[in-house]
Full PDB file with SEQRES, HELIX, SHEET, SSBOND, CRYST1, ORIGX, SCALE, CONECT and MASTER records, all heavy atoms in Angstrom:
SEQRES   1 A   38  GLY LEU VAL GLN PRO GLY GLY SER LEU ARG LEU SER CYS          
SEQRES   2 A   38  ALA ALA SER GLY SER ILE PHE SER ILE ALA ALA MET GLY          
SEQRES   3 A   38  TRP TYR ARG GLN ALA PRO GLY LYS GLN ARG GLU LEU              
CRYST1    1.000    1.000    1.000  90.00  90.00  90.00 P 1           1          
ORIGX1      1.000000  0.000000  0.000000        0.00000                         
ORIGX2      0.000000  1.000000  0.000000        0.00000                         
ORIGX3      0.000000  0.000000  1.000000        0.00000                         
SCALE1      1.000000  0.000000  0.000000        0.00000                         
SCALE2      0.000000  1.000000  0.000000        0.00000                         
SCALE3      0.000000  0.000000  1.000000        0.00000                         
ATOM      1  N   GLY A   1     -36.206  18.781  98.481  1.00  0.00           N  
ATOM      2  CA  GLY A   1     -35.833  18.554  97.150  1.00  0.00           C  
ATOM      3  C   GLY A   1     -36.708  17.590  96.356  1.00  0.00           C  
ATOM      4  O   GLY A   1     -37.805  17.215  96.899  1.00  0.00           O  
ATOM      5  N   LEU A   2     -36.220  17.226  95.178  1.00  0.00           N  
ATOM      6  CA  LEU A   2     -36.945  16.305  94.341  1.00  0.00           C  
ATOM      7  C   LEU A   2     -36.165  14.988  94.349  1.00  0.00           C  
ATOM      8  O   LEU A   2     -34.993  14.957  94.077  1.00  0.00           O  
ATOM      9  CB  LEU A   2     -36.986  16.923  92.876  1.00  0.00           C  
ATOM     10  CG  LEU A   2     -37.476  15.933  91.814  1.00  0.00           C  
ATOM     11  CD1 LEU A   2     -38.964  15.593  92.040  1.00  0.00           C  
ATOM     12  CD2 LEU A   2     -37.276  16.544  90.448  1.00  0.00           C  
ATOM     13  N   VAL A   3     -36.906  13.932  94.617  1.00  0.00           N  
ATOM     14  CA  VAL A   3     -36.339  12.567  94.638  1.00  0.00           C  
ATOM     15  C   VAL A   3     -37.290  11.618  93.957  1.00  0.00           C  
ATOM     16  O   VAL A   3     -38.536  11.835  93.852  1.00  0.00           O  
ATOM     17  CB  VAL A   3     -36.041  12.002  96.006  1.00  0.00           C  
ATOM     18  CG1 VAL A   3     -35.055  12.881  96.783  1.00  0.00           C  
ATOM     19  CG2 VAL A   3     -37.263  12.071  96.890  1.00  0.00           C  
ATOM     20  N   GLN A   4     -36.796  10.459  93.434  1.00  0.00           N  
ATOM     21  CA  GLN A   4     -37.642   9.509  92.851  1.00  0.00           C  
ATOM     22  C   GLN A   4     -38.198   8.552  93.976  1.00  0.00           C  
ATOM     23  O   GLN A   4     -37.659   8.501  95.082  1.00  0.00           O  
ATOM     24  CB  GLN A   4     -36.870   8.719  91.827  1.00  0.00           C  
ATOM     25  CG  GLN A   4     -35.653   7.889  92.339  1.00  0.00           C  
ATOM     26  CD  GLN A   4     -34.877   7.154  91.277  1.00  0.00           C  
ATOM     27  OE1 GLN A   4     -35.261   7.295  90.139  1.00  0.00           O  
ATOM     28  NE2 GLN A   4     -33.936   6.449  91.682  1.00  0.00           N  
ATOM     29  N   PRO A   5     -39.233   7.890  93.662  1.00  0.00           N  
ATOM     30  CA  PRO A   5     -39.873   6.902  94.603  1.00  0.00           C  
ATOM     31  C   PRO A   5     -38.760   5.946  95.155  1.00  0.00           C  
ATOM     32  O   PRO A   5     -37.977   5.408  94.285  1.00  0.00           O  
ATOM     33  CB  PRO A   5     -41.011   6.251  93.874  1.00  0.00           C  
ATOM     34  CG  PRO A   5     -41.390   7.206  92.828  1.00  0.00           C  
ATOM     35  CD  PRO A   5     -40.070   7.953  92.491  1.00  0.00           C  
ATOM     36  N   GLY A   6     -38.779   5.703  96.425  1.00  0.00           N  
ATOM     37  CA  GLY A   6     -37.752   4.876  96.985  1.00  0.00           C  
ATOM     38  C   GLY A   6     -36.419   5.497  97.446  1.00  0.00           C  
ATOM     39  O   GLY A   6     -35.669   4.900  98.168  1.00  0.00           O  
ATOM     40  N   GLY A   7     -36.389   6.783  97.194  1.00  0.00           N  
ATOM     41  CA  GLY A   7     -35.198   7.576  97.510  1.00  0.00           C  
ATOM     42  C   GLY A   7     -35.319   8.129  98.915  1.00  0.00           C  
ATOM     43  O   GLY A   7     -36.274   7.825  99.690  1.00  0.00           O  
ATOM     44  N   SER A   8     -34.300   8.870  99.317  1.00  0.00           N  
ATOM     45  CA  SER A   8     -34.210   9.337 100.694  1.00  0.00           C  
ATOM     46  C   SER A   8     -33.904  10.869 100.677  1.00  0.00           C  
ATOM     47  O   SER A   8     -33.215  11.357  99.786  1.00  0.00           O  
ATOM     48  CB  SER A   8     -33.071   8.614 101.446  1.00  0.00           C  
ATOM     49  OG  SER A   8     -33.381   7.193 101.605  1.00  0.00           O  
ATOM     50  N   LEU A   9     -34.307  11.501 101.746  1.00  0.00           N  
ATOM     51  CA  LEU A   9     -33.963  12.881 101.966  1.00  0.00           C  
ATOM     52  C   LEU A   9     -33.777  13.096 103.489  1.00  0.00           C  
ATOM     53  O   LEU A   9     -34.397  12.302 104.327  1.00  0.00           O  
ATOM     54  CB  LEU A   9     -35.049  13.873 101.520  1.00  0.00           C  
ATOM     55  CG  LEU A   9     -35.138  14.124 100.043  1.00  0.00           C  
ATOM     56  CD1 LEU A   9     -36.386  15.058  99.773  1.00  0.00           C  
ATOM     57  CD2 LEU A   9     -33.949  14.865  99.483  1.00  0.00           C  
ATOM     58  N   ARG A  10     -32.969  14.124 103.874  1.00  0.00           N  
ATOM     59  CA  ARG A  10     -32.829  14.364 105.267  1.00  0.00           C  
ATOM     60  C   ARG A  10     -33.138  15.905 105.478  1.00  0.00           C  
ATOM     61  O   ARG A  10     -32.418  16.696 104.985  1.00  0.00           O  
ATOM     62  CB  ARG A  10     -31.450  14.045 105.817  1.00  0.00           C  
ATOM     63  CG  ARG A  10     -31.224  14.250 107.260  1.00  0.00           C  
ATOM     64  CD  ARG A  10     -29.769  14.161 107.640  1.00  0.00           C  
ATOM     65  NE  ARG A  10     -29.558  14.210 109.104  1.00  0.00           N  
ATOM     66  CZ  ARG A  10     -28.478  14.667 109.686  1.00  0.00           C  
ATOM     67  NH1 ARG A  10     -27.462  15.189 109.015  1.00  0.00           N  
ATOM     68  NH2 ARG A  10     -28.350  14.582 110.938  1.00  0.00           N  
ATOM     69  N   LEU A  11     -34.166  16.150 106.275  1.00  0.00           N  
ATOM     70  CA  LEU A  11     -34.513  17.512 106.533  1.00  0.00           C  
ATOM     71  C   LEU A  11     -33.903  17.978 107.839  1.00  0.00           C  
ATOM     72  O   LEU A  11     -33.720  17.170 108.824  1.00  0.00           O  
ATOM     73  CB  LEU A  11     -36.026  17.729 106.765  1.00  0.00           C  
ATOM     74  CG  LEU A  11     -36.855  17.252 105.533  1.00  0.00           C  
ATOM     75  CD1 LEU A  11     -38.368  17.535 105.751  1.00  0.00           C  
ATOM     76  CD2 LEU A  11     -36.466  17.864 104.209  1.00  0.00           C  
ATOM     77  N   SER A  12     -33.560  19.255 107.908  1.00  0.00           N  
ATOM     78  CA  SER A  12     -32.952  19.837 109.142  1.00  0.00           C  
ATOM     79  C   SER A  12     -33.712  21.116 109.534  1.00  0.00           C  
ATOM     80  O   SER A  12     -34.187  21.809 108.581  1.00  0.00           O  
ATOM     81  CB  SER A  12     -31.515  20.225 108.864  1.00  0.00           C  
ATOM     82  OG  SER A  12     -30.665  19.019 108.614  1.00  0.00           O  
ATOM     83  N   CYS A  13     -33.808  21.367 110.738  1.00  0.00           N  
ATOM     84  CA  CYS A  13     -34.434  22.636 111.257  1.00  0.00           C  
ATOM     85  C   CYS A  13     -33.637  23.103 112.455  1.00  0.00           C  
ATOM     86  O   CYS A  13     -33.605  22.349 113.542  1.00  0.00           O  
ATOM     87  CB  CYS A  13     -35.897  22.337 111.629  1.00  0.00           C  
ATOM     88  SG  CYS A  13     -36.745  23.795 112.429  1.00  0.00           S  
ATOM     89  N   ALA A  14     -33.054  24.233 112.408  1.00  0.00           N  
ATOM     90  CA  ALA A  14     -32.265  24.856 113.423  1.00  0.00           C  
ATOM     91  C   ALA A  14     -32.950  25.989 114.059  1.00  0.00           C  
ATOM     92  O   ALA A  14     -33.458  26.967 113.338  1.00  0.00           O  
ATOM     93  CB  ALA A  14     -30.885  25.276 112.810  1.00  0.00           C  
ATOM     94  N   ALA A  15     -33.111  25.959 115.354  1.00  0.00           N  
ATOM     95  CA  ALA A  15     -33.684  27.057 116.163  1.00  0.00           C  
ATOM     96  C   ALA A  15     -32.617  28.021 116.641  1.00  0.00           C  
ATOM     97  O   ALA A  15     -31.590  27.534 117.096  1.00  0.00           O  
ATOM     98  CB  ALA A  15     -34.530  26.564 117.247  1.00  0.00           C  
ATOM     99  N   SER A  16     -32.853  29.274 116.528  1.00  0.00           N  
ATOM    100  CA  SER A  16     -31.913  30.240 117.113  1.00  0.00           C  
ATOM    101  C   SER A  16     -32.632  31.453 117.684  1.00  0.00           C  
ATOM    102  O   SER A  16     -33.796  31.673 117.348  1.00  0.00           O  
ATOM    103  CB  SER A  16     -30.894  30.646 116.000  1.00  0.00           C  
ATOM    104  OG  SER A  16     -31.601  31.366 114.899  1.00  0.00           O  
ATOM    105  N   GLY A  17     -31.932  32.290 118.483  1.00  0.00           N  
ATOM    106  CA  GLY A  17     -32.517  33.374 119.092  1.00  0.00           C  
ATOM    107  C   GLY A  17     -32.450  33.364 120.528  1.00  0.00           C  
ATOM    108  O   GLY A  17     -31.689  32.733 121.161  1.00  0.00           O  
ATOM    109  N   SER A  18     -33.474  34.052 121.167  1.00  0.00           N  
ATOM    110  CA  SER A  18     -33.486  34.211 122.601  1.00  0.00           C  
ATOM    111  C   SER A  18     -34.285  33.036 123.162  1.00  0.00           C  
ATOM    112  O   SER A  18     -35.398  33.154 123.504  1.00  0.00           O  
ATOM    113  CB  SER A  18     -34.156  35.564 123.031  1.00  0.00           C  
ATOM    114  OG  SER A  18     -33.442  36.637 122.453  1.00  0.00           O  
ATOM    115  N   ILE A  19     -33.548  31.943 123.258  1.00  0.00           N  
ATOM    116  CA  ILE A  19     -34.188  30.665 123.777  1.00  0.00           C  
ATOM    117  C   ILE A  19     -33.773  30.321 125.115  1.00  0.00           C  
ATOM    118  O   ILE A  19     -32.593  30.264 125.444  1.00  0.00           O  
ATOM    119  CB  ILE A  19     -33.803  29.487 122.787  1.00  0.00           C  
ATOM    120  CG1 ILE A  19     -34.359  29.807 121.342  1.00  0.00           C  
ATOM    121  CG2 ILE A  19     -34.315  28.235 123.241  1.00  0.00           C  
ATOM    122  CD1 ILE A  19     -33.769  28.824 120.323  1.00  0.00           C  
ATOM    123  N   PHE A  20     -34.781  30.022 125.960  1.00  0.00           N  
ATOM    124  CA  PHE A  20     -34.544  29.619 127.281  1.00  0.00           C  
ATOM    125  C   PHE A  20     -34.589  28.104 127.361  1.00  0.00           C  
ATOM    126  O   PHE A  20     -33.692  27.429 127.940  1.00  0.00           O  
ATOM    127  CB  PHE A  20     -35.485  30.173 128.320  1.00  0.00           C  
ATOM    128  CG  PHE A  20     -35.343  29.681 129.694  1.00  0.00           C  
ATOM    129  CD1 PHE A  20     -34.325  30.078 130.543  1.00  0.00           C  
ATOM    130  CD2 PHE A  20     -36.168  28.704 130.246  1.00  0.00           C  
ATOM    131  CE1 PHE A  20     -34.095  29.624 131.808  1.00  0.00           C  
ATOM    132  CE2 PHE A  20     -35.981  28.220 131.556  1.00  0.00           C  
ATOM    133  CZ  PHE A  20     -34.998  28.726 132.351  1.00  0.00           C  
ATOM    134  N   SER A  21     -35.549  27.497 126.760  1.00  0.00           N  
ATOM    135  CA  SER A  21     -35.656  26.020 126.664  1.00  0.00           C  
ATOM    136  C   SER A  21     -36.561  25.650 125.512  1.00  0.00           C  
ATOM    137  O   SER A  21     -37.437  26.507 125.028  1.00  0.00           O  
ATOM    138  CB  SER A  21     -36.186  25.474 127.919  1.00  0.00           C  
ATOM    139  OG  SER A  21     -37.525  25.825 128.173  1.00  0.00           O  
ATOM    140  N   ILE A  22     -36.399  24.377 124.991  1.00  0.00           N  
ATOM    141  CA  ILE A  22     -37.315  23.858 123.904  1.00  0.00           C  
ATOM    142  C   ILE A  22     -38.001  22.622 124.465  1.00  0.00           C  
ATOM    143  O   ILE A  22     -37.337  21.602 124.735  1.00  0.00           O  
ATOM    144  CB  ILE A  22     -36.399  23.482 122.710  1.00  0.00           C  
ATOM    145  CG1 ILE A  22     -35.768  24.765 122.187  1.00  0.00           C  
ATOM    146  CG2 ILE A  22     -37.316  22.867 121.624  1.00  0.00           C  
ATOM    147  CD1 ILE A  22     -34.869  24.462 120.994  1.00  0.00           C  
ATOM    148  N   ALA A  23     -39.293  22.763 124.497  1.00  0.00           N  
ATOM    149  CA  ALA A  23     -40.090  21.688 125.053  1.00  0.00           C  
ATOM    150  C   ALA A  23     -40.345  20.529 124.087  1.00  0.00           C  
ATOM    151  O   ALA A  23     -40.340  19.398 124.421  1.00  0.00           O  
ATOM    152  CB  ALA A  23     -41.428  22.174 125.652  1.00  0.00           C  
ATOM    153  N   ALA A  24     -40.378  20.917 122.864  1.00  0.00           N  
ATOM    154  CA  ALA A  24     -40.714  19.898 121.788  1.00  0.00           C  
ATOM    155  C   ALA A  24     -40.415  20.482 120.481  1.00  0.00           C  
ATOM    156  O   ALA A  24     -40.472  21.668 120.200  1.00  0.00           O  
ATOM    157  CB  ALA A  24     -42.213  19.488 121.795  1.00  0.00           C  
ATOM    158  N   MET A  25     -39.969  19.565 119.520  1.00  0.00           N  
ATOM    159  CA  MET A  25     -39.812  19.971 118.130  1.00  0.00           C  
ATOM    160  C   MET A  25     -40.416  18.851 117.252  1.00  0.00           C  
ATOM    161  O   MET A  25     -40.470  17.747 117.673  1.00  0.00           O  
ATOM    162  CB  MET A  25     -38.274  20.128 117.822  1.00  0.00           C  
ATOM    163  CG  MET A  25     -37.553  21.138 118.706  1.00  0.00           C  
ATOM    164  SD  MET A  25     -35.830  21.446 118.073  1.00  0.00           S  
ATOM    165  CE  MET A  25     -36.180  22.540 116.686  1.00  0.00           C  
ATOM    166  N   GLY A  26     -40.837  19.373 116.094  1.00  0.00           N  
ATOM    167  CA  GLY A  26     -41.586  18.321 115.266  1.00  0.00           C  
ATOM    168  C   GLY A  26     -41.679  18.779 113.857  1.00  0.00           C  
ATOM    169  O   GLY A  26     -41.287  19.947 113.446  1.00  0.00           O  
ATOM    170  N   TRP A  27     -42.187  17.988 113.024  1.00  0.00           N  
ATOM    171  CA  TRP A  27     -42.456  18.222 111.575  1.00  0.00           C  
ATOM    172  C   TRP A  27     -43.889  17.976 111.152  1.00  0.00           C  
ATOM    173  O   TRP A  27     -44.494  16.954 111.473  1.00  0.00           O  
ATOM    174  CB  TRP A  27     -41.501  17.247 110.721  1.00  0.00           C  
ATOM    175  CG  TRP A  27     -40.080  17.514 110.898  1.00  0.00           C  
ATOM    176  CD1 TRP A  27     -39.209  16.945 111.624  1.00  0.00           C  
ATOM    177  CD2 TRP A  27     -39.324  18.506 110.160  1.00  0.00           C  
ATOM    178  NE1 TRP A  27     -37.991  17.409 111.566  1.00  0.00           N  
ATOM    179  CE2 TRP A  27     -37.957  18.388 110.542  1.00  0.00           C  
ATOM    180  CE3 TRP A  27     -39.570  19.464 109.120  1.00  0.00           C  
ATOM    181  CZ2 TRP A  27     -36.985  19.200 110.063  1.00  0.00           C  
ATOM    182  CZ3 TRP A  27     -38.633  20.239 108.552  1.00  0.00           C  
ATOM    183  CH2 TRP A  27     -37.351  20.080 109.107  1.00  0.00           C  
ATOM    184  N   TYR A  28     -44.408  18.979 110.415  1.00  0.00           N  
ATOM    185  CA  TYR A  28     -45.688  18.933 109.764  1.00  0.00           C  
ATOM    186  C   TYR A  28     -45.507  18.918 108.390  1.00  0.00           C  
ATOM    187  O   TYR A  28     -44.602  19.325 107.836  1.00  0.00           O  
ATOM    188  CB  TYR A  28     -46.595  20.080 110.222  1.00  0.00           C  
ATOM    189  CG  TYR A  28     -47.047  20.038 111.703  1.00  0.00           C  
ATOM    190  CD1 TYR A  28     -46.119  20.304 112.766  1.00  0.00           C  
ATOM    191  CD2 TYR A  28     -48.358  19.779 112.097  1.00  0.00           C  
ATOM    192  CE1 TYR A  28     -46.561  20.388 114.087  1.00  0.00           C  
ATOM    193  CE2 TYR A  28     -48.824  19.783 113.341  1.00  0.00           C  
ATOM    194  CZ  TYR A  28     -47.895  20.056 114.389  1.00  0.00           C  
ATOM    195  OH  TYR A  28     -48.303  20.074 115.660  1.00  0.00           O  
ATOM    196  N   ARG A  29     -46.621  18.476 107.639  1.00  0.00           N  
ATOM    197  CA  ARG A  29     -46.572  18.575 106.189  1.00  0.00           C  
ATOM    198  C   ARG A  29     -47.973  18.913 105.683  1.00  0.00           C  
ATOM    199  O   ARG A  29     -48.965  18.563 106.259  1.00  0.00           O  
ATOM    200  CB  ARG A  29     -46.084  17.251 105.570  1.00  0.00           C  
ATOM    201  CG  ARG A  29     -47.002  16.092 105.742  1.00  0.00           C  
ATOM    202  CD  ARG A  29     -46.314  14.859 105.080  1.00  0.00           C  
ATOM    203  NE  ARG A  29     -47.095  13.747 105.233  1.00  0.00           N  
ATOM    204  CZ  ARG A  29     -46.719  12.485 104.958  1.00  0.00           C  
ATOM    205  NH1 ARG A  29     -45.467  12.286 104.449  1.00  0.00           N  
ATOM    206  NH2 ARG A  29     -47.516  11.405 104.996  1.00  0.00           N  
ATOM    207  N   GLN A  30     -47.975  19.615 104.545  1.00  0.00           N  
ATOM    208  CA  GLN A  30     -49.310  19.964 103.799  1.00  0.00           C  
ATOM    209  C   GLN A  30     -49.160  19.702 102.431  1.00  0.00           C  
ATOM    210  O   GLN A  30     -48.332  20.325 101.716  1.00  0.00           O  
ATOM    211  CB  GLN A  30     -49.554  21.403 104.243  1.00  0.00           C  
ATOM    212  CG  GLN A  30     -51.027  21.769 103.714  1.00  0.00           C  
ATOM    213  CD  GLN A  30     -51.489  23.096 104.403  1.00  0.00           C  
ATOM    214  OE1 GLN A  30     -50.692  23.912 104.689  1.00  0.00           O  
ATOM    215  NE2 GLN A  30     -52.788  23.232 104.452  1.00  0.00           N  
ATOM    216  N   ALA A  31     -49.939  18.868 101.918  1.00  0.00           N  
ATOM    217  CA  ALA A  31     -50.042  18.516 100.474  1.00  0.00           C  
ATOM    218  C   ALA A  31     -51.114  19.393  99.910  1.00  0.00           C  
ATOM    219  O   ALA A  31     -52.014  19.808 100.598  1.00  0.00           O  
ATOM    220  CB  ALA A  31     -50.327  17.034 100.313  1.00  0.00           C  
ATOM    221  N   PRO A  32     -51.130  19.609  98.564  1.00  0.00           N  
ATOM    222  CA  PRO A  32     -52.109  20.369  97.863  1.00  0.00           C  
ATOM    223  C   PRO A  32     -53.518  19.823  98.122  1.00  0.00           C  
ATOM    224  O   PRO A  32     -53.755  18.596  98.049  1.00  0.00           O  
ATOM    225  CB  PRO A  32     -51.739  20.282  96.410  1.00  0.00           C  
ATOM    226  CG  PRO A  32     -50.258  20.093  96.498  1.00  0.00           C  
ATOM    227  CD  PRO A  32     -49.964  19.191  97.620  1.00  0.00           C  
ATOM    228  N   GLY A  33     -54.367  20.640  98.587  1.00  0.00           N  
ATOM    229  CA  GLY A  33     -55.739  20.296  98.859  1.00  0.00           C  
ATOM    230  C   GLY A  33     -56.004  19.494 100.145  1.00  0.00           C  
ATOM    231  O   GLY A  33     -57.203  19.077 100.346  1.00  0.00           O  
ATOM    232  N   LYS A  34     -55.014  19.425 100.925  1.00  0.00           N  
ATOM    233  CA  LYS A  34     -55.151  18.578 102.149  1.00  0.00           C  
ATOM    234  C   LYS A  34     -54.796  19.457 103.360  1.00  0.00           C  
ATOM    235  O   LYS A  34     -54.153  20.520 103.237  1.00  0.00           O  
ATOM    236  CB  LYS A  34     -54.264  17.360 102.181  1.00  0.00           C  
ATOM    237  CG  LYS A  34     -54.627  16.349 101.148  1.00  0.00           C  
ATOM    238  CD  LYS A  34     -53.820  15.008 101.257  1.00  0.00           C  
ATOM    239  CE  LYS A  34     -54.206  14.031 100.247  1.00  0.00           C  
ATOM    240  NZ  LYS A  34     -53.348  12.813 100.331  1.00  0.00           N  
ATOM    241  N   GLN A  35     -55.290  19.027 104.492  1.00  0.00           N  
ATOM    242  CA  GLN A  35     -55.070  19.768 105.793  1.00  0.00           C  
ATOM    243  C   GLN A  35     -53.533  19.512 106.216  1.00  0.00           C  
ATOM    244  O   GLN A  35     -52.984  18.424 105.824  1.00  0.00           O  
ATOM    245  CB  GLN A  35     -55.956  19.340 106.885  1.00  0.00           C  
ATOM    246  CG  GLN A  35     -57.404  19.713 106.654  1.00  0.00           C  
ATOM    247  CD  GLN A  35     -58.242  19.291 107.755  1.00  0.00           C  
ATOM    248  OE1 GLN A  35     -57.799  18.860 108.844  1.00  0.00           O  
ATOM    249  NE2 GLN A  35     -59.582  19.473 107.652  1.00  0.00           N  
ATOM    250  N   ARG A  36     -52.997  20.359 106.922  1.00  0.00           N  
ATOM    251  CA  ARG A  36     -51.660  20.182 107.482  1.00  0.00           C  
ATOM    252  C   ARG A  36     -51.820  19.114 108.613  1.00  0.00           C  
ATOM    253  O   ARG A  36     -52.693  19.081 109.394  1.00  0.00           O  
ATOM    254  CB  ARG A  36     -51.150  21.500 108.104  1.00  0.00           C  
ATOM    255  CG  ARG A  36     -49.747  21.356 108.575  1.00  0.00           C  
ATOM    256  CD  ARG A  36     -49.147  22.737 108.994  1.00  0.00           C  
ATOM    257  NE  ARG A  36     -49.155  23.712 107.868  1.00  0.00           N  
ATOM    258  CZ  ARG A  36     -48.674  24.942 107.979  1.00  0.00           C  
ATOM    259  NH1 ARG A  36     -48.130  25.363 109.079  1.00  0.00           N  
ATOM    260  NH2 ARG A  36     -48.706  25.806 106.950  1.00  0.00           N  
ATOM    261  N   GLU A  37     -50.848  18.138 108.542  1.00  0.00           N  
ATOM    262  CA  GLU A  37     -50.811  17.030 109.530  1.00  0.00           C  
ATOM    263  C   GLU A  37     -49.488  16.937 110.177  1.00  0.00           C  
ATOM    264  O   GLU A  37     -48.403  17.259 109.603  1.00  0.00           O  
ATOM    265  CB  GLU A  37     -51.156  15.746 108.756  1.00  0.00           C  
ATOM    266  CG  GLU A  37     -50.088  15.277 107.842  1.00  0.00           C  
ATOM    267  CD  GLU A  37     -50.347  13.778 107.318  1.00  0.00           C  
ATOM    268  OE1 GLU A  37     -51.185  13.056 107.887  1.00  0.00           O  
ATOM    269  OE2 GLU A  37     -49.640  13.381 106.327  1.00  0.00           O  
ATOM    270  N   LEU A  38     -49.482  16.459 111.403  1.00  0.00           N  
ATOM    271  CA  LEU A  38     -48.257  16.164 112.154  1.00  0.00           C  
ATOM    272  C   LEU A  38     -47.637  14.886 111.653  1.00  0.00           C  
ATOM    273  O   LEU A  38     -48.288  13.865 111.593  1.00  0.00           O  
ATOM    274  CB  LEU A  38     -48.580  16.042 113.666  1.00  0.00           C  
ATOM    275  CG  LEU A  38     -47.394  15.662 114.573  1.00  0.00           C  
ATOM    276  CD1 LEU A  38     -46.317  16.790 114.479  1.00  0.00           C  
ATOM    277  CD2 LEU A  38     -47.875  15.310 115.915  1.00  0.00           C  
TER     278      LEU A  38                                                      
MASTER        0    0    0    0    0    0    0    6  277    1    0    3          
END                                                                             
């Protein structure tokens, strides 16, 4: 969403489907004109 500087957000990511195990989960981001980063 949209927040002002100093504000807070909480992102969620739910995995579903035919899952045996999850080795790792993480978040990447990509800003305009920049490479995606962990």
